[in-house]
PDB file of N, CA and C in Angstrom:
ATOM      1  N   MET A   1      34.314  63.333 -12.584  1.00  0.00           N
ATOM      2  CA  MET A   1      33.089  63.267 -13.369  1.00  0.00           C
ATOM      3  C   MET A   1      33.387  63.695 -14.806  1.00  0.00           C
ATOM      4  N   SER A   2      33.055  62.857 -15.748  1.00  0.00           N
ATOM      5  CA  SER A   2      33.314  63.186 -17.146  1.00  0.00           C
ATOM      6  C   SER A   2      32.181  64.034 -17.706  1.00  0.00           C
ATOM      7  N   GLU A   3      32.541  64.914 -18.595  1.00  0.00           N
ATOM      8  CA  GLU A   3      31.535  65.775 -19.210  1.00  0.00           C
ATOM      9  C   GLU A   3      30.759  64.995 -20.257  1.00  0.00           C
ATOM     10  N   LEU A   4      29.505  65.360 -20.386  1.00  0.00           N
ATOM     11  CA  LEU A   4      28.650  64.727 -21.386  1.00  0.00           C
ATOM     12  C   LEU A   4      28.866  65.392 -22.740  1.00  0.00           C
ATOM     13  N   THR A   5      28.689  64.615 -23.781  1.00  0.00           N
ATOM     14  CA  THR A   5      28.735  65.185 -25.126  1.00  0.00           C
ATOM     15  C   THR A   5      27.406  65.889 -25.384  1.00  0.00           C
ATOM     16  N   ASP A   6      27.379  66.718 -26.398  1.00  0.00           N
ATOM     17  CA  ASP A   6      26.131  67.394 -26.773  1.00  0.00           C
ATOM     18  C   ASP A   6      25.055  66.375 -27.114  1.00  0.00           C
ATOM     19  N   GLN A   7      25.450  65.295 -27.749  1.00  0.00           N
ATOM     20  CA  GLN A   7      24.501  64.253 -28.118  1.00  0.00           C
ATOM     21  C   GLN A   7      23.916  63.579 -26.868  1.00  0.00           C
ATOM     22  N   GLU A   8      24.752  63.337 -25.868  1.00  0.00           N
ATOM     23  CA  GLU A   8      24.269  62.731 -24.625  1.00  0.00           C
ATOM     24  C   GLU A   8      23.329  63.679 -23.884  1.00  0.00           C
ATOM     25  N   ARG A   9      23.671  64.952 -23.855  1.00  0.00           N
ATOM     26  CA  ARG A   9      22.788  65.945 -23.218  1.00  0.00           C
ATOM     27  C   ARG A   9      21.433  65.976 -23.918  1.00  0.00           C
ATOM     28  N   SER A  10      21.485  66.029 -25.237  1.00  0.00           N
ATOM     29  CA  SER A  10      20.264  66.061 -26.032  1.00  0.00           C
ATOM     30  C   SER A  10      19.426  64.807 -25.816  1.00  0.00           C
ATOM     31  N   SER A  11      20.074  63.668 -25.770  1.00  0.00           N
ATOM     32  CA  SER A  11      19.387  62.396 -25.568  1.00  0.00           C
ATOM     33  C   SER A  11      18.704  62.350 -24.199  1.00  0.00           C
ATOM     34  N   ARG A  12      19.388  62.828 -23.174  1.00  0.00           N
ATOM     35  CA  ARG A  12      18.804  62.842 -21.826  1.00  0.00           C
ATOM     36  C   ARG A  12      17.600  63.774 -21.759  1.00  0.00           C
ATOM     37  N   LEU A  13      17.729  64.953 -22.341  1.00  0.00           N
ATOM     38  CA  LEU A  13      16.634  65.914 -22.323  1.00  0.00           C
ATOM     39  C   LEU A  13      15.436  65.394 -23.110  1.00  0.00           C
ATOM     40  N   LYS A  14      15.696  64.757 -24.227  1.00  0.00           N
ATOM     41  CA  LYS A  14      14.618  64.180 -25.034  1.00  0.00           C
ATOM     42  C   LYS A  14      13.905  63.069 -24.256  1.00  0.00           C
ATOM     43  N   ALA A  15      14.655  62.210 -23.576  1.00  0.00           N
ATOM     44  CA  ALA A  15      14.062  61.130 -22.785  1.00  0.00           C
ATOM     45  C   ALA A  15      13.227  61.696 -21.634  1.00  0.00           C
ATOM     46  N   LEU A  16      13.720  62.748 -20.996  1.00  0.00           N
ATOM     47  CA  LEU A  16      12.987  63.393 -19.906  1.00  0.00           C
ATOM     48  C   LEU A  16      11.675  63.973 -20.406  1.00  0.00           C
ATOM     49  N   ASN A  17      11.733  64.719 -21.494  1.00  0.00           N
ATOM     50  CA  ASN A  17      10.515  65.319 -22.047  1.00  0.00           C
ATOM     51  C   ASN A  17       9.516  64.255 -22.495  1.00  0.00           C
ATOM     52  N   SER A  18      10.001  63.169 -23.071  1.00  0.00           N
ATOM     53  CA  SER A  18       9.114  62.080 -23.497  1.00  0.00           C
ATOM     54  C   SER A  18       8.417  61.446 -22.309  1.00  0.00           C
ATOM     55  N   LEU A  19       9.148  61.248 -21.225  1.00  0.00           N
ATOM     56  CA  LEU A  19       8.564  60.649 -20.028  1.00  0.00           C
ATOM     57  C   LEU A  19       7.548  61.588 -19.385  1.00  0.00           C
ATOM     58  N   LEU A  20       7.855  62.868 -19.334  1.00  0.00           N
ATOM     59  CA  LEU A  20       6.893  63.839 -18.807  1.00  0.00           C
ATOM     60  C   LEU A  20       5.638  63.880 -19.682  1.00  0.00           C
ATOM     61  N   ASP A  21       5.810  63.769 -21.000  1.00  0.00           N
ATOM     62  CA  ASP A  21       4.658  63.739 -21.908  1.00  0.00           C
ATOM     63  C   ASP A  21       3.775  62.524 -21.657  1.00  0.00           C
ATOM     64  N   LEU A  22       4.377  61.418 -21.231  1.00  0.00           N
ATOM     65  CA  LEU A  22       3.599  60.224 -20.894  1.00  0.00           C
ATOM     66  C   LEU A  22       2.823  60.402 -19.593  1.00  0.00           C
ATOM     67  N   MET A  23       3.400  61.116 -18.633  1.00  0.00           N
ATOM     68  CA  MET A  23       2.757  61.318 -17.331  1.00  0.00           C
ATOM     69  C   MET A  23       1.715  62.436 -17.351  1.00  0.00           C
ATOM     70  N   ARG A  24       1.932  63.431 -18.172  1.00  0.00           N
ATOM     71  CA  ARG A  24       1.094  64.634 -18.171  1.00  0.00           C
ATOM     72  C   ARG A  24      -0.408  64.351 -18.339  1.00  0.00           C
ATOM     73  N   PRO A  25      -0.848  63.464 -19.241  1.00  0.00           N
ATOM     74  CA  PRO A  25      -2.288  63.244 -19.389  1.00  0.00           C
ATOM     75  C   PRO A  25      -2.979  62.753 -18.112  1.00  0.00           C
ATOM     76  N   ALA A  26      -2.291  61.973 -17.290  1.00  0.00           N
ATOM     77  CA  ALA A  26      -2.888  61.507 -16.037  1.00  0.00           C
ATOM     78  C   ALA A  26      -3.125  62.676 -15.087  1.00  0.00           C
ATOM     79  N   VAL A  27      -2.210  63.619 -15.058  1.00  0.00           N
ATOM     80  CA  VAL A  27      -2.366  64.805 -14.208  1.00  0.00           C
ATOM     81  C   VAL A  27      -3.438  65.720 -14.795  1.00  0.00           C
ATOM     82  N   GLN A  28      -3.446  65.856 -16.109  1.00  0.00           N
ATOM     83  CA  GLN A  28      -4.436  66.712 -16.764  1.00  0.00           C
ATOM     84  C   GLN A  28      -5.849  66.161 -16.641  1.00  0.00           C
ATOM     85  N   ALA A  29      -5.984  64.850 -16.522  1.00  0.00           N
ATOM     86  CA  ALA A  29      -7.308  64.243 -16.375  1.00  0.00           C
ATOM     87  C   ALA A  29      -7.987  64.696 -15.091  1.00  0.00           C
ATOM     88  N   ASP A  30      -7.192  65.124 -14.118  1.00  0.00           N
ATOM     89  CA  ASP A  30      -7.735  65.633 -12.862  1.00  0.00           C
ATOM     90  C   ASP A  30      -7.769  67.155 -12.824  1.00  0.00           C
ATOM     91  N   GLY A  31      -7.569  67.790 -13.965  1.00  0.00           N
ATOM     92  CA  GLY A  31      -7.644  69.246 -14.039  1.00  0.00           C
ATOM     93  C   GLY A  31      -6.338  69.954 -13.736  1.00  0.00           C
ATOM     94  N   GLY A  32      -5.260  69.191 -13.618  1.00  0.00           N
ATOM     95  CA  GLY A  32      -3.960  69.788 -13.309  1.00  0.00           C
ATOM     96  C   GLY A  32      -3.051  69.814 -14.514  1.00  0.00           C
ATOM     97  N   ASP A  33      -1.802  70.082 -14.251  1.00  0.00           N
ATOM     98  CA  ASP A  33      -0.797  70.051 -15.305  1.00  0.00           C
ATOM     99  C   ASP A  33       0.559  69.808 -14.675  1.00  0.00           C
ATOM    100  N   LEU A  34       1.462  69.273 -15.471  1.00  0.00           N
ATOM    101  CA  LEU A  34       2.822  68.974 -15.055  1.00  0.00           C
ATOM    102  C   LEU A  34       3.762  69.698 -16.006  1.00  0.00           C
ATOM    103  N   VAL A  35       4.600  70.572 -15.455  1.00  0.00           N
ATOM    104  CA  VAL A  35       5.461  71.418 -16.265  1.00  0.00           C
ATOM    105  C   VAL A  35       6.918  71.213 -15.846  1.00  0.00           C
ATOM    106  N   LEU A  36       7.790  71.085 -16.830  1.00  0.00           N
ATOM    107  CA  LEU A  36       9.221  71.034 -16.567  1.00  0.00           C
ATOM    108  C   LEU A  36       9.715  72.461 -16.399  1.00  0.00           C
ATOM    109  N   VAL A  37      10.271  72.773 -15.236  1.00  0.00           N
ATOM    110  CA  VAL A  37      10.787  74.110 -14.956  1.00  0.00           C
ATOM    111  C   VAL A  37      12.231  74.209 -15.424  1.00  0.00           C
ATOM    112  N   ARG A  38      13.052  73.214 -15.039  1.00  0.00           N
ATOM    113  CA  ARG A  38      14.443  73.184 -15.488  1.00  0.00           C
ATOM    114  C   ARG A  38      14.990  71.781 -15.304  1.00  0.00           C
ATOM    115  N   ALA A  39      16.032  71.479 -16.044  1.00  0.00           N
ATOM    116  CA  ALA A  39      16.693  70.184 -15.930  1.00  0.00           C
ATOM    117  C   ALA A  39      18.183  70.373 -16.146  1.00  0.00           C
ATOM    118  N   ASP A  40      18.962  69.914 -15.194  1.00  0.00           N
ATOM    119  CA  ASP A  40      20.412  69.911 -15.343  1.00  0.00           C
ATOM    120  C   ASP A  40      20.809  68.471 -15.633  1.00  0.00           C
ATOM    121  N   VAL A  41      21.000  68.160 -16.896  1.00  0.00           N
ATOM    122  CA  VAL A  41      21.283  66.780 -17.293  1.00  0.00           C
ATOM    123  C   VAL A  41      22.677  66.337 -16.872  1.00  0.00           C
ATOM    124  N   GLU A  42      23.520  67.272 -16.493  1.00  0.00           N
ATOM    125  CA  GLU A  42      24.865  66.934 -16.006  1.00  0.00           C
ATOM    126  C   GLU A  42      24.795  66.400 -14.574  1.00  0.00           C
ATOM    127  N   THR A  43      24.085  67.133 -13.698  1.00  0.00           N
ATOM    128  CA  THR A  43      24.008  66.756 -12.287  1.00  0.00           C
ATOM    129  C   THR A  43      22.831  65.838 -11.976  1.00  0.00           C
ATOM    130  N   GLY A  44      21.853  65.807 -12.875  1.00  0.00           N
ATOM    131  CA  GLY A  44      20.683  64.961 -12.667  1.00  0.00           C
ATOM    132  C   GLY A  44      19.574  65.609 -11.863  1.00  0.00           C
ATOM    133  N   VAL A  45      19.643  66.917 -11.655  1.00  0.00           N
ATOM    134  CA  VAL A  45      18.618  67.624 -10.897  1.00  0.00           C
ATOM    135  C   VAL A  45      17.533  68.115 -11.859  1.00  0.00           C
ATOM    136  N   VAL A  46      16.300  67.722 -11.566  1.00  0.00           N
ATOM    137  CA  VAL A  46      15.152  68.082 -12.400  1.00  0.00           C
ATOM    138  C   VAL A  46      14.152  68.825 -11.525  1.00  0.00           C
ATOM    139  N   GLU A  47      13.629  69.933 -12.030  1.00  0.00           N
ATOM    140  CA  GLU A  47      12.616  70.679 -11.296  1.00  0.00           C
ATOM    141  C   GLU A  47      11.325  70.693 -12.102  1.00  0.00           C
ATOM    142  N   VAL A  48      10.246  70.275 -11.449  1.00  0.00           N
ATOM    143  CA  VAL A  48       8.934  70.255 -12.078  1.00  0.00           C
ATOM    144  C   VAL A  48       7.960  71.055 -11.234  1.00  0.00           C
ATOM    145  N   GLN A  49       6.841  71.406 -11.850  1.00  0.00           N
ATOM    146  CA  GLN A  49       5.819  72.160 -11.145  1.00  0.00           C
ATOM    147  C   GLN A  49       4.452  71.599 -11.503  1.00  0.00           C
ATOM    148  N   LEU A  50       3.615  71.450 -10.493  1.00  0.00           N
ATOM    149  CA  LEU A  50       2.232  71.055 -10.708  1.00  0.00           C
ATOM    150  C   LEU A  50       1.390  72.316 -10.744  1.00  0.00           C
ATOM    151  N   GLY A  51       0.487  72.391 -11.708  1.00  0.00           N
ATOM    152  CA  GLY A  51      -0.358  73.565 -11.833  1.00  0.00           C
ATOM    153  C   GLY A  51      -1.809  73.176 -11.969  1.00  0.00           C
ATOM    154  N   GLY A  52      -2.623  74.152 -12.292  1.00  0.00           N
ATOM    155  CA  GLY A  52      -4.049  73.908 -12.448  1.00  0.00           C
ATOM    156  C   GLY A  52      -4.681  73.489 -11.140  1.00  0.00           C
ATOM    157  N   ALA A  53      -5.564  72.482 -11.192  1.00  0.00           N
ATOM    158  CA  ALA A  53      -6.263  72.010 -10.004  1.00  0.00           C
ATOM    159  C   ALA A  53      -5.302  71.416  -8.977  1.00  0.00           C
ATOM    160  N   CYS A  54      -4.115  71.025  -9.405  1.00  0.00           N
ATOM    161  CA  CYS A  54      -3.120  70.467  -8.474  1.00  0.00           C
ATOM    162  C   CYS A  54      -2.686  71.493  -7.436  1.00  0.00           C
ATOM    163  N   SER A  55      -2.810  72.767  -7.762  1.00  0.00           N
ATOM    164  CA  SER A  55      -2.374  73.820  -6.849  1.00  0.00           C
ATOM    165  C   SER A  55      -3.163  73.826  -5.550  1.00  0.00           C
ATOM    166  N   SER A  56      -4.397  73.327  -5.581  1.00  0.00           N
ATOM    167  CA  SER A  56      -5.214  73.300  -4.375  1.00  0.00           C
ATOM    168  C   SER A  56      -5.498  71.879  -3.903  1.00  0.00           C
ATOM    169  N   CYS A  57      -4.879  70.903  -4.522  1.00  0.00           N
ATOM    170  CA  CYS A  57      -5.156  69.507  -4.201  1.00  0.00           C
ATOM    171  C   CYS A  57      -4.392  69.064  -2.956  1.00  0.00           C
ATOM    172  N   ALA A  58      -5.096  68.371  -2.068  1.00  0.00           N
ATOM    173  CA  ALA A  58      -4.497  67.909  -0.816  1.00  0.00           C
ATOM    174  C   ALA A  58      -3.435  66.836  -1.031  1.00  0.00           C
ATOM    175  N   ILE A  59      -3.497  66.114  -2.148  1.00  0.00           N
ATOM    176  CA  ILE A  59      -2.529  65.036  -2.364  1.00  0.00           C
ATOM    177  C   ILE A  59      -1.474  65.382  -3.411  1.00  0.00           C
ATOM    178  N   SER A  60      -1.312  66.664  -3.694  1.00  0.00           N
ATOM    179  CA  SER A  60      -0.323  67.060  -4.707  1.00  0.00           C
ATOM    180  C   SER A  60       1.094  66.658  -4.294  1.00  0.00           C
ATOM    181  N   SER A  61       1.407  66.711  -3.000  1.00  0.00           N
ATOM    182  CA  SER A  61       2.751  66.290  -2.573  1.00  0.00           C
ATOM    183  C   SER A  61       2.934  64.793  -2.784  1.00  0.00           C
ATOM    184  N   ASP A  62       1.864  64.007  -2.634  1.00  0.00           N
ATOM    185  CA  ASP A  62       1.941  62.574  -2.931  1.00  0.00           C
ATOM    186  C   ASP A  62       2.163  62.338  -4.418  1.00  0.00           C
ATOM    187  N   THR A  63       1.513  63.146  -5.240  1.00  0.00           N
ATOM    188  CA  THR A  63       1.696  63.036  -6.688  1.00  0.00           C
ATOM    189  C   THR A  63       3.146  63.313  -7.054  1.00  0.00           C
ATOM    190  N   LEU A  64       3.719  64.344  -6.436  1.00  0.00           N
ATOM    191  CA  LEU A  64       5.114  64.689  -6.717  1.00  0.00           C
ATOM    192  C   LEU A  64       6.071  63.605  -6.231  1.00  0.00           C
ATOM    193  N   GLN A  65       5.906  63.169  -4.985  1.00  0.00           N
ATOM    194  CA  GLN A  65       6.848  62.209  -4.416  1.00  0.00           C
ATOM    195  C   GLN A  65       6.589  60.783  -4.883  1.00  0.00           C
ATOM    196  N   GLY A  66       5.357  60.326  -4.742  1.00  0.00           N
ATOM    197  CA  GLY A  66       5.034  58.946  -5.054  1.00  0.00           C
ATOM    198  C   GLY A  66       4.884  58.662  -6.524  1.00  0.00           C
ATOM    199  N   GLY A  67       4.596  59.688  -7.293  1.00  0.00           N
ATOM    200  CA  GLY A  67       4.400  59.498  -8.720  1.00  0.00           C
ATOM    201  C   GLY A  67       5.552  60.029  -9.541  1.00  0.00           C
ATOM    202  N   VAL A  68       5.628  61.328  -9.653  1.00  0.00           N
ATOM    203  CA  VAL A  68       6.591  61.970 -10.544  1.00  0.00           C
ATOM    204  C   VAL A  68       8.034  61.617 -10.171  1.00  0.00           C
ATOM    205  N   THR A  69       8.403  61.800  -8.914  1.00  0.00           N
ATOM    206  CA  THR A  69       9.777  61.522  -8.487  1.00  0.00           C
ATOM    207  C   THR A  69      10.133  60.059  -8.684  1.00  0.00           C
ATOM    208  N   ARG A  70       9.242  59.180  -8.252  1.00  0.00           N
ATOM    209  CA  ARG A  70       9.509  57.742  -8.362  1.00  0.00           C
ATOM    210  C   ARG A  70       9.685  57.324  -9.815  1.00  0.00           C
ATOM    211  N   ILE A  71       8.807  57.779 -10.678  1.00  0.00           N
ATOM    212  CA  ILE A  71       8.874  57.395 -12.094  1.00  0.00           C
ATOM    213  C   ILE A  71      10.143  57.939 -12.750  1.00  0.00           C
ATOM    214  N   LEU A  72      10.450  59.219 -12.500  1.00  0.00           N
ATOM    215  CA  LEU A  72      11.638  59.808 -13.124  1.00  0.00           C
ATOM    216  C   LEU A  72      12.917  59.117 -12.661  1.00  0.00           C
ATOM    217  N   THR A  73      13.048  58.855 -11.367  1.00  0.00           N
ATOM    218  CA  THR A  73      14.283  58.236 -10.872  1.00  0.00           C
ATOM    219  C   THR A  73      14.368  56.757 -11.230  1.00  0.00           C
ATOM    220  N   ASP A  74      13.227  56.084 -11.346  1.00  0.00           N
ATOM    221  CA  ASP A  74      13.237  54.671 -11.743  1.00  0.00           C
ATOM    222  C   ASP A  74      13.587  54.487 -13.216  1.00  0.00           C
ATOM    223  N   ARG A  75      13.059  55.352 -14.057  1.00  0.00           N
ATOM    224  CA  ARG A  75      13.207  55.155 -15.501  1.00  0.00           C
ATOM    225  C   ARG A  75      14.380  55.898 -16.128  1.00  0.00           C
ATOM    226  N   LEU A  76      14.828  56.943 -15.463  1.00  0.00           N
ATOM    227  CA  LEU A  76      15.971  57.706 -15.968  1.00  0.00           C
ATOM    228  C   LEU A  76      17.068  57.630 -14.909  1.00  0.00           C
ATOM    229  N   LYS A  77      17.972  56.717 -15.072  1.00  0.00           N
ATOM    230  CA  LYS A  77      18.989  56.434 -14.050  1.00  0.00           C
ATOM    231  C   LYS A  77      19.885  57.634 -13.756  1.00  0.00           C
ATOM    232  N   TRP A  78      19.969  58.580 -14.669  1.00  0.00           N
ATOM    233  CA  TRP A  78      20.805  59.757 -14.451  1.00  0.00           C
ATOM    234  C   TRP A  78      20.146  60.800 -13.561  1.00  0.00           C
ATOM    235  N   VAL A  79      18.829  60.691 -13.331  1.00  0.00           N
ATOM    236  CA  VAL A  79      18.134  61.655 -12.476  1.00  0.00           C
ATOM    237  C   VAL A  79      18.485  61.359 -11.017  1.00  0.00           C
ATOM    238  N   THR A  80      19.078  62.340 -10.345  1.00  0.00           N
ATOM    239  CA  THR A  80      19.518  62.172  -8.961  1.00  0.00           C
ATOM    240  C   THR A  80      18.595  62.851  -7.963  1.00  0.00           C
ATOM    241  N   GLU A  81      17.878  63.881  -8.417  1.00  0.00           N
ATOM    242  CA  GLU A  81      17.000  64.631  -7.517  1.00  0.00           C
ATOM    243  C   GLU A  81      15.879  65.260  -8.325  1.00  0.00           C
ATOM    244  N   VAL A  82      14.666  65.207  -7.756  1.00  0.00           N
ATOM    245  CA  VAL A  82      13.524  65.875  -8.374  1.00  0.00           C
ATOM    246  C   VAL A  82      13.009  66.902  -7.377  1.00  0.00           C
ATOM    247  N   ILE A  83      13.016  68.148  -7.807  1.00  0.00           N
ATOM    248  CA  ILE A  83      12.495  69.242  -6.987  1.00  0.00           C
ATOM    249  C   ILE A  83      11.108  69.544  -7.521  1.00  0.00           C
ATOM    250  N   GLY A  84      10.142  69.524  -6.644  1.00  0.00           N
ATOM    251  CA  GLY A  84       8.769  69.758  -7.083  1.00  0.00           C
ATOM    252  C   GLY A  84       8.157  70.940  -6.378  1.00  0.00           C
ATOM    253  N   GLY A  85       7.280  71.591  -7.076  1.00  0.00           N
ATOM    254  CA  GLY A  85       6.590  72.727  -6.490  1.00  0.00           C
ATOM    255  C   GLY A  85       5.206  72.852  -7.073  1.00  0.00           C
ATOM    256  N   LEU A  86       4.470  73.792  -6.526  1.00  0.00           N
ATOM    257  CA  LEU A  86       3.122  74.071  -7.003  1.00  0.00           C
ATOM    258  C   LEU A  86       3.088  75.459  -7.608  1.00  0.00           C
ATOM    259  N   ASP A  87       2.271  75.622  -8.620  1.00  0.00           N
ATOM    260  CA  ASP A  87       2.075  76.934  -9.228  1.00  0.00           C
ATOM    261  C   ASP A  87       1.217  77.749  -8.269  1.00  0.00           C
ATOM    262  N   ASP A  88       1.832  78.672  -7.556  1.00  0.00           N
ATOM    263  CA  ASP A  88       1.089  79.467  -6.580  1.00  0.00           C
ATOM    264  C   ASP A  88       0.592  80.790  -7.158  1.00  0.00           C
ATOM    265  N   THR A  89       0.688  80.948  -8.478  1.00  0.00           N
ATOM    266  CA  THR A  89       0.198  82.179  -9.097  1.00  0.00           C
ATOM    267  C   THR A  89      -1.299  82.127  -9.338  1.00  0.00           C
ATOM    268  N   ILE A  90      -1.888  80.926  -9.245  1.00  0.00           N
ATOM    269  CA  ILE A  90      -3.328  80.789  -9.484  1.00  0.00           C
ATOM    270  C   ILE A  90      -4.074  80.887  -8.160  1.00  0.00           C
ATOM    271  N   ASP A  91      -5.202  81.559  -8.181  1.00  0.00           N
ATOM    272  CA  ASP A  91      -6.057  81.703  -7.019  1.00  0.00           C
ATOM    273  C   ASP A  91      -6.599  80.326  -6.609  1.00  0.00           C
ATOM    274  N   THR A  92      -6.671  80.065  -5.305  1.00  0.00           N
ATOM    275  CA  THR A  92      -7.128  78.769  -4.801  1.00  0.00           C
ATOM    276  C   THR A  92      -8.531  78.444  -5.289  1.00  0.00           C
ATOM    277  N   GLU A  93      -9.420  79.423  -5.293  1.00  0.00           N
ATOM    278  CA  GLU A  93     -10.797  79.204  -5.763  1.00  0.00           C
ATOM    279  C   GLU A  93     -10.797  78.803  -7.240  1.00  0.00           C
ATOM    280  N   ASP A  94      -9.996  79.489  -8.043  1.00  0.00           N
ATOM    281  CA  ASP A  94      -9.906  79.158  -9.462  1.00  0.00           C
ATOM    282  C   ASP A  94      -9.308  77.770  -9.650  1.00  0.00           C
ATOM    283  N   SER A  95      -8.308  77.458  -8.843  1.00  0.00           N
ATOM    284  CA  SER A  95      -7.661  76.151  -8.922  1.00  0.00           C
ATOM    285  C   SER A  95      -8.662  75.042  -8.645  1.00  0.00           C
ATOM    286  N   MET A  96      -9.463  75.203  -7.609  1.00  0.00           N
ATOM    287  CA  MET A  96     -10.428  74.169  -7.246  1.00  0.00           C
ATOM    288  C   MET A  96     -11.496  73.992  -8.316  1.00  0.00           C
ATOM    289  N   SER A  97     -11.803  75.060  -9.037  1.00  0.00           N
ATOM    290  CA  SER A  97     -12.850  74.971 -10.053  1.00  0.00           C
ATOM    291  C   SER A  97     -12.371  74.294 -11.335  1.00  0.00           C
ATOM    292  N   LEU A  98     -11.060  74.072 -11.459  1.00  0.00           N
ATOM    293  CA  LEU A  98     -10.519  73.481 -12.676  1.00  0.00           C
ATOM    294  C   LEU A  98     -10.778  71.985 -12.788  1.00  0.00           C
ATOM    295  N   GLY A  99     -11.058  71.355 -11.685  1.00  0.00           N
ATOM    296  CA  GLY A  99     -11.340  69.931 -11.762  1.00  0.00           C
ATOM    297  C   GLY A  99     -11.004  69.220 -10.482  1.00  0.00           C
ATOM    298  N   ALA A 100     -11.708  68.146 -10.262  1.00  0.00           N
ATOM    299  CA  ALA A 100     -11.466  67.342  -9.072  1.00  0.00           C
ATOM    300  C   ALA A 100     -11.379  65.880  -9.431  1.00  0.00           C
ATOM    301  N   GLY A 101     -11.314  65.585 -10.697  1.00  0.00           N
ATOM    302  CA  GLY A 101     -11.222  64.192 -11.103  1.00  0.00           C
ATOM    303  C   GLY A 101     -11.395  64.042 -12.586  1.00  0.00           C
ATOM    304  N   GLY A 102     -11.082  62.868 -13.071  1.00  0.00           N
ATOM    305  CA  GLY A 102     -11.169  62.601 -14.491  1.00  0.00           C
ATOM    306  C   GLY A 102     -12.586  62.299 -14.979  1.00  0.00           C
ATOM    307  N   TYR A 103     -13.529  62.140 -14.045  1.00  0.00           N
ATOM    308  CA  TYR A 103     -14.899  61.819 -14.429  1.00  0.00           C
ATOM    309  C   TYR A 103     -15.606  63.046 -14.937  1.00  0.00           C
ATOM    310  N   ILE A 104     -16.135  62.964 -16.134  1.00  0.00           N
ATOM    311  CA  ILE A 104     -16.917  64.047 -16.709  1.00  0.00           C
ATOM    312  C   ILE A 104     -18.293  63.494 -17.030  1.00  0.00           C
ATOM    313  N   PRO A 105     -19.333  63.976 -16.352  1.00  0.00           N
ATOM    314  CA  PRO A 105     -20.662  63.417 -16.594  1.00  0.00           C
ATOM    315  C   PRO A 105     -21.140  63.714 -18.021  1.00  0.00           C
ATOM    316  N   ARG A 106     -21.787  62.754 -18.591  1.00  0.00           N
ATOM    317  CA  ARG A 106     -22.344  62.907 -19.947  1.00  0.00           C
ATOM    318  C   ARG A 106     -23.866  62.772 -19.836  1.00  0.00           C
ATOM    319  N   TYR A 107     -24.561  63.699 -20.433  1.00  0.00           N
ATOM    320  CA  TYR A 107     -26.023  63.700 -20.380  1.00  0.00           C
ATOM    321  C   TYR A 107     -26.568  63.394 -21.767  1.00  0.00           C
ATOM    322  N   ARG A 108     -27.570  62.557 -21.798  1.00  0.00           N
ATOM    323  CA  ARG A 108     -28.218  62.223 -23.057  1.00  0.00           C
ATOM    324  C   ARG A 108     -29.568  62.903 -23.106  1.00  0.00           C
ATOM    325  N   ALA A 109     -29.893  63.398 -24.257  1.00  0.00           N
ATOM    326  CA  ALA A 109     -31.224  63.949 -24.447  1.00  0.00           C
ATOM    327  C   ALA A 109     -32.214  62.788 -24.561  1.00  0.00           C
ATOM    328  N   LEU A 110     -33.366  62.924 -23.927  1.00  0.00           N
ATOM    329  CA  LEU A 110     -34.371  61.870 -23.995  1.00  0.00           C
ATOM    330  C   LEU A 110     -35.261  62.010 -25.187  1.00  0.00           C
TER     331      LEU A 110
END
């Protein structure tokens, strides 16, 4: 295995952060968040964490596997593994109150 140059490492990290920035608004629309915990651009192992309302969401594992993992491995050929977790520092009740969807009701004054 050949070592990456500093420029290649920087380029990979920049591409990863850009892709996460593209995905983050979709997660935030449901009251959650997507955070990069660590990335080893040499081995291709990326660790992310879902937070906010995602911490109590029943489909958070689907979001990690079917969404985040699939997108990262499809678009960044150097990514070999995505480790995902949930932010367990937030109380479940607080997590649920952060949001359950992107719909925000708007009321008009009559």
